[in-house]
Amino acid sequence: MQEITEHIKRTDDNHIDKEGFCCLDIEHILEKESRKGIDLTTFYKNKVYPFFTNYIFKKETGDYANGEYAHFFDGVIQYYKEELGIDDFKIITNIIYAVASNSIPNRNELCLCGSELKIKQCHLRKINSLKSLSKSRLISDLINFEEFVNTNYSNHIISNKQKRLL
């Protein structure tokens, strides 16, 4: 959605880019919702209206009413941490890889998180929710996670063999 009046300053903190396009939600969530189908009334009610009311609240108080996603790739990291309930980057990337390569363990196999529980009793529902993301988004996220971890932790999380299989 594009805000064309320029009443709102175009900054990352206001979640509006230089052309006036508004960041209504993290792209991953918007992509998942679009695959289910979005009607205009619901989209306005759940995304557009809250965006502008939150902007007004932030303008008056200095903070967003319900918090906000981090910017850029930090927001992607936040999305996966919250979606999966996992903080470990290696586990997150293993799960993204399993979804992207269509190699999710069977229901009665151990969960990818390392909990020693069967996946059906652990993260299966959360992992399956990632299937609604496009393969290109998952691969892009894998590459970005690897760059992030290599830059910040200097160890590889995705093997070259795994990359070739994607």
C-alpha atoms as a PDB file:
ATOM      1  CA  MET A   1       0.000   0.000   0.000  1.00  0.00           C
ATOM      2  CA  GLN A   2       1.291   3.454  -0.861  1.00  0.00           C
ATOM      3  CA  GLU A   3       0.719   6.597   1.208  1.00  0.00           C
ATOM      4  CA  ILE A   4       0.702   9.450  -1.320  1.00  0.00           C
ATOM      5  CA  THR A   5      -0.040  12.555   0.791  1.00  0.00           C
ATOM      6  CA  GLU A   6       3.436  12.651   2.331  1.00  0.00           C
ATOM      7  CA  HIS A   7       1.892  13.580   5.696  1.00  0.00           C
ATOM      8  CA  ILE A   8       4.015  10.834   7.219  1.00  0.00           C
ATOM      9  CA  LYS A   9       7.775  11.207   7.047  1.00  0.00           C
ATOM     10  CA  ARG A  10       9.355   8.491   4.914  1.00  0.00           C
ATOM     11  CA  THR A  11      11.653   6.669   7.343  1.00  0.00           C
ATOM     12  CA  ASP A  12      12.364   3.097   8.375  1.00  0.00           C
ATOM     13  CA  ASP A  13      11.136   3.931  11.877  1.00  0.00           C
ATOM     14  CA  ASN A  14       7.774   4.955  10.407  1.00  0.00           C
ATOM     15  CA  HIS A  15       7.737   1.836   8.218  1.00  0.00           C
ATOM     16  CA  ILE A  16       7.330   3.833   5.010  1.00  0.00           C
ATOM     17  CA  ASP A  17       9.945   3.795   2.273  1.00  0.00           C
ATOM     18  CA  LYS A  18      11.040   6.767   0.168  1.00  0.00           C
ATOM     19  CA  GLU A  19       8.302   6.107  -2.412  1.00  0.00           C
ATOM     20  CA  GLY A  20       5.608   6.026   0.286  1.00  0.00           C
ATOM     21  CA  PHE A  21       5.082   2.262   0.367  1.00  0.00           C
ATOM     22  CA  CYS A  22       3.975   1.172   3.817  1.00  0.00           C
ATOM     23  CA  CYS A  23       5.310  -1.885   5.608  1.00  0.00           C
ATOM     24  CA  LEU A  24       1.981  -3.249   6.844  1.00  0.00           C
ATOM     25  CA  ASP A  25       3.465  -6.511   8.126  1.00  0.00           C
ATOM     26  CA  ILE A  26       6.474  -8.709   7.569  1.00  0.00           C
ATOM     27  CA  GLU A  27       6.474 -10.082   4.012  1.00  0.00           C
ATOM     28  CA  HIS A  28       6.400 -13.674   5.268  1.00  0.00           C
ATOM     29  CA  ILE A  29       3.092 -13.139   7.030  1.00  0.00           C
ATOM     30  CA  LEU A  30       1.611 -11.278   4.071  1.00  0.00           C
ATOM     31  CA  GLU A  31       2.699 -14.089   1.729  1.00  0.00           C
ATOM     32  CA  LYS A  32       1.164 -16.777   3.950  1.00  0.00           C
ATOM     33  CA  GLU A  33      -2.087 -14.829   4.239  1.00  0.00           C
ATOM     34  CA  SER A  34      -2.243 -14.158   0.498  1.00  0.00           C
ATOM     35  CA  ARG A  35      -2.074 -17.886  -0.231  1.00  0.00           C
ATOM     36  CA  LYS A  36      -5.231 -18.345   1.854  1.00  0.00           C
ATOM     37  CA  GLY A  37      -6.944 -15.501   0.034  1.00  0.00           C
ATOM     38  CA  ILE A  38      -7.386 -11.940   1.237  1.00  0.00           C
ATOM     39  CA  ASP A  39     -10.576  -9.931   0.973  1.00  0.00           C
ATOM     40  CA  LEU A  40     -10.304  -6.148   0.923  1.00  0.00           C
ATOM     41  CA  THR A  41     -12.421  -5.508   4.028  1.00  0.00           C
ATOM     42  CA  THR A  42     -10.420  -7.917   6.180  1.00  0.00           C
ATOM     43  CA  PHE A  43      -7.123  -6.600   4.813  1.00  0.00           C
ATOM     44  CA  TYR A  44      -8.137  -3.026   5.619  1.00  0.00           C
ATOM     45  CA  LYS A  45      -9.385  -3.988   9.087  1.00  0.00           C
ATOM     46  CA  ASN A  46      -6.372  -6.147  10.015  1.00  0.00           C
ATOM     47  CA  LYS A  47      -3.499  -4.355   8.253  1.00  0.00           C
ATOM     48  CA  VAL A  48      -4.231  -0.870   6.916  1.00  0.00           C
ATOM     49  CA  TYR A  49      -6.258   0.596   9.784  1.00  0.00           C
ATOM     50  CA  PRO A  50      -3.918  -0.761  12.509  1.00  0.00           C
ATOM     51  CA  PHE A  51      -0.899   0.581  10.587  1.00  0.00           C
ATOM     52  CA  PHE A  52      -2.177   4.160  10.623  1.00  0.00           C
ATOM     53  CA  THR A  53      -3.626   4.069  14.147  1.00  0.00           C
ATOM     54  CA  ASN A  54      -0.323   2.638  15.378  1.00  0.00           C
ATOM     55  CA  TYR A  55       1.497   5.452  13.572  1.00  0.00           C
ATOM     56  CA  ILE A  56      -0.660   8.032  15.374  1.00  0.00           C
ATOM     57  CA  PHE A  57      -0.036   6.272  18.697  1.00  0.00           C
ATOM     58  CA  LYS A  58       3.733   6.255  18.030  1.00  0.00           C
ATOM     59  CA  LYS A  59       3.660   9.927  17.067  1.00  0.00           C
ATOM     60  CA  GLU A  60       1.998  10.768  20.400  1.00  0.00           C
ATOM     61  CA  THR A  61       3.874   8.360  22.696  1.00  0.00           C
ATOM     62  CA  GLY A  62       7.140   7.534  20.924  1.00  0.00           C
ATOM     63  CA  ASP A  63       6.407   3.789  20.761  1.00  0.00           C
ATOM     64  CA  TYR A  64       4.106   1.515  18.803  1.00  0.00           C
ATOM     65  CA  ALA A  65       1.107   0.224  20.793  1.00  0.00           C
ATOM     66  CA  ASN A  66       1.751  -3.448  20.136  1.00  0.00           C
ATOM     67  CA  GLY A  67       5.484  -3.353  19.479  1.00  0.00           C
ATOM     68  CA  GLU A  68       6.916  -3.790  16.018  1.00  0.00           C
ATOM     69  CA  TYR A  69       8.992  -6.148  13.944  1.00  0.00           C
ATOM     70  CA  ALA A  70      12.664  -5.359  13.664  1.00  0.00           C
ATOM     71  CA  HIS A  71      13.793  -3.840  10.373  1.00  0.00           C
ATOM     72  CA  PHE A  72      15.229  -5.699   7.371  1.00  0.00           C
ATOM     73  CA  PHE A  73      16.762  -9.153   7.971  1.00  0.00           C
ATOM     74  CA  ASP A  74      16.500  -8.708  11.743  1.00  0.00           C
ATOM     75  CA  GLY A  75      12.730  -8.803  11.180  1.00  0.00           C
ATOM     76  CA  VAL A  76      13.056 -12.091   9.278  1.00  0.00           C
ATOM     77  CA  ILE A  77      15.055 -13.542  12.171  1.00  0.00           C
ATOM     78  CA  GLN A  78      12.393 -12.311  14.590  1.00  0.00           C
ATOM     79  CA  TYR A  79       9.664 -13.890  12.430  1.00  0.00           C
ATOM     80  CA  TYR A  80      11.259 -17.350  12.467  1.00  0.00           C
ATOM     81  CA  LYS A  81      12.097 -17.167  16.172  1.00  0.00           C
ATOM     82  CA  GLU A  82       8.494 -16.286  16.997  1.00  0.00           C
ATOM     83  CA  GLU A  83       6.909 -18.621  14.438  1.00  0.00           C
ATOM     84  CA  LEU A  84       8.932 -21.649  15.549  1.00  0.00           C
ATOM     85  CA  GLY A  85       9.520 -20.730  19.189  1.00  0.00           C
ATOM     86  CA  ILE A  86      13.230 -21.427  18.676  1.00  0.00           C
ATOM     87  CA  ASP A  87      16.224 -19.130  19.191  1.00  0.00           C
ATOM     88  CA  ASP A  88      18.990 -21.380  17.823  1.00  0.00           C
ATOM     89  CA  PHE A  89      19.973 -20.280  14.295  1.00  0.00           C
ATOM     90  CA  LYS A  90      21.301 -23.717  13.327  1.00  0.00           C
ATOM     91  CA  ILE A  91      17.996 -25.378  14.241  1.00  0.00           C
ATOM     92  CA  ILE A  92      16.016 -22.656  12.466  1.00  0.00           C
ATOM     93  CA  THR A  93      18.056 -23.068   9.297  1.00  0.00           C
ATOM     94  CA  ASN A  94      17.766 -26.867   9.463  1.00  0.00           C
ATOM     95  CA  ILE A  95      13.990 -26.486   9.625  1.00  0.00           C
ATOM     96  CA  ILE A  96      13.900 -23.972   6.751  1.00  0.00           C
ATOM     97  CA  TYR A  97      16.113 -26.330   4.730  1.00  0.00           C
ATOM     98  CA  ALA A  98      13.810 -29.293   5.467  1.00  0.00           C
ATOM     99  CA  VAL A  99      10.778 -27.319   4.293  1.00  0.00           C
ATOM    100  CA  ALA A 100      12.525 -25.924   1.193  1.00  0.00           C
ATOM    101  CA  SER A 101      13.856 -29.336   0.179  1.00  0.00           C
ATOM    102  CA  ASN A 102      10.620 -31.141   1.065  1.00  0.00           C
ATOM    103  CA  SER A 103      12.481 -33.372   3.509  1.00  0.00           C
ATOM    104  CA  ILE A 104      10.432 -32.917   6.674  1.00  0.00           C
ATOM    105  CA  PRO A 105      10.662 -36.046   8.851  1.00  0.00           C
ATOM    106  CA  ASN A 106       7.650 -38.366   9.086  1.00  0.00           C
ATOM    107  CA  ARG A 107       5.227 -37.763  11.955  1.00  0.00           C
ATOM    108  CA  ASN A 108       6.756 -40.468  14.161  1.00  0.00           C
ATOM    109  CA  GLU A 109      10.379 -39.465  13.607  1.00  0.00           C
ATOM    110  CA  LEU A 110      12.291 -37.206  15.982  1.00  0.00           C
ATOM    111  CA  CYS A 111      11.738 -33.477  15.736  1.00  0.00           C
ATOM    112  CA  LEU A 112      14.318 -31.336  13.983  1.00  0.00           C
ATOM    113  CA  CYS A 113      14.657 -29.171  17.105  1.00  0.00           C
ATOM    114  CA  GLY A 114      16.582 -31.888  18.949  1.00  0.00           C
ATOM    115  CA  SER A 115      14.044 -32.263  21.756  1.00  0.00           C
ATOM    116  CA  GLU A 116      13.961 -36.084  21.470  1.00  0.00           C
ATOM    117  CA  LEU A 117      10.183 -35.848  20.970  1.00  0.00           C
ATOM    118  CA  LYS A 118       8.414 -37.146  17.898  1.00  0.00           C
ATOM    119  CA  ILE A 119       7.889 -34.318  15.453  1.00  0.00           C
ATOM    120  CA  LYS A 120       4.091 -34.728  15.664  1.00  0.00           C
ATOM    121  CA  GLN A 121       4.297 -33.943  19.398  1.00  0.00           C
ATOM    122  CA  CYS A 122       6.683 -31.059  18.964  1.00  0.00           C
ATOM    123  CA  HIS A 123       7.062 -28.697  15.978  1.00  0.00           C
ATOM    124  CA  LEU A 124       5.129 -30.411  13.164  1.00  0.00           C
ATOM    125  CA  ARG A 125       2.304 -27.858  13.073  1.00  0.00           C
ATOM    126  CA  LYS A 126       4.723 -24.923  13.152  1.00  0.00           C
ATOM    127  CA  ILE A 127       6.967 -26.503  10.515  1.00  0.00           C
ATOM    128  CA  ASN A 128       3.982 -27.234   8.281  1.00  0.00           C
ATOM    129  CA  SER A 129       2.929 -23.591   8.531  1.00  0.00           C
ATOM    130  CA  LEU A 130       6.165 -22.672   6.748  1.00  0.00           C
ATOM    131  CA  LYS A 131       5.088 -24.732   3.727  1.00  0.00           C
ATOM    132  CA  SER A 132       2.892 -21.831   2.621  1.00  0.00           C
ATOM    133  CA  LEU A 133       6.021 -19.745   1.999  1.00  0.00           C
ATOM    134  CA  SER A 134       7.437 -19.903  -1.513  1.00  0.00           C
ATOM    135  CA  LYS A 135      10.509 -22.007  -2.124  1.00  0.00           C
ATOM    136  CA  SER A 136      12.334 -18.931  -3.430  1.00  0.00           C
ATOM    137  CA  ARG A 137      11.628 -17.084  -0.152  1.00  0.00           C
ATOM    138  CA  LEU A 138      12.841 -20.054   1.897  1.00  0.00           C
ATOM    139  CA  ILE A 139      16.036 -20.348  -0.146  1.00  0.00           C
ATOM    140  CA  SER A 140      16.624 -16.598   0.106  1.00  0.00           C
ATOM    141  CA  ASP A 141      16.148 -16.817   3.875  1.00  0.00           C
ATOM    142  CA  LEU A 142      18.607 -19.732   4.079  1.00  0.00           C
ATOM    143  CA  ILE A 143      21.235 -17.736   2.204  1.00  0.00           C
ATOM    144  CA  ASN A 144      20.640 -14.681   4.381  1.00  0.00           C
ATOM    145  CA  PHE A 145      20.794 -16.755   7.584  1.00  0.00           C
ATOM    146  CA  GLU A 146      24.093 -18.243   6.448  1.00  0.00           C
ATOM    147  CA  GLU A 147      25.528 -14.798   5.675  1.00  0.00           C
ATOM    148  CA  PHE A 148      24.276 -13.495   9.022  1.00  0.00           C
ATOM    149  CA  VAL A 149      25.731 -16.389  10.996  1.00  0.00           C
ATOM    150  CA  ASN A 150      29.022 -16.351   9.075  1.00  0.00           C
ATOM    151  CA  THR A 151      29.346 -12.635   9.714  1.00  0.00           C
ATOM    152  CA  ASN A 152      28.375 -12.826  13.371  1.00  0.00           C
ATOM    153  CA  TYR A 153      29.418 -16.317  14.453  1.00  0.00           C
ATOM    154  CA  SER A 154      31.907 -17.455  11.762  1.00  0.00           C
ATOM    155  CA  ASN A 155      30.669 -21.031  11.252  1.00  0.00           C
ATOM    156  CA  HIS A 156      28.764 -22.556   8.347  1.00  0.00           C
ATOM    157  CA  ILE A 157      25.229 -23.703   9.011  1.00  0.00           C
ATOM    158  CA  ILE A 158      24.282 -24.904   5.531  1.00  0.00           C
ATOM    159  CA  SER A 159      26.661 -27.265   3.789  1.00  0.00           C
ATOM    160  CA  ASN A 160      27.545 -26.826   0.138  1.00  0.00           C
ATOM    161  CA  LYS A 161      26.011 -30.260  -0.483  1.00  0.00           C
ATOM    162  CA  GLN A 162      22.709 -29.073   0.976  1.00  0.00           C
ATOM    163  CA  LYS A 163      22.807 -25.946  -1.222  1.00  0.00           C
ATOM    164  CA  ARG A 164      23.227 -28.082  -4.362  1.00  0.00           C
ATOM    165  CA  LEU A 165      20.198 -30.182  -3.381  1.00  0.00           C
ATOM    166  CA  LEU A 166      17.948 -27.116  -3.288  1.00  0.00           C
END
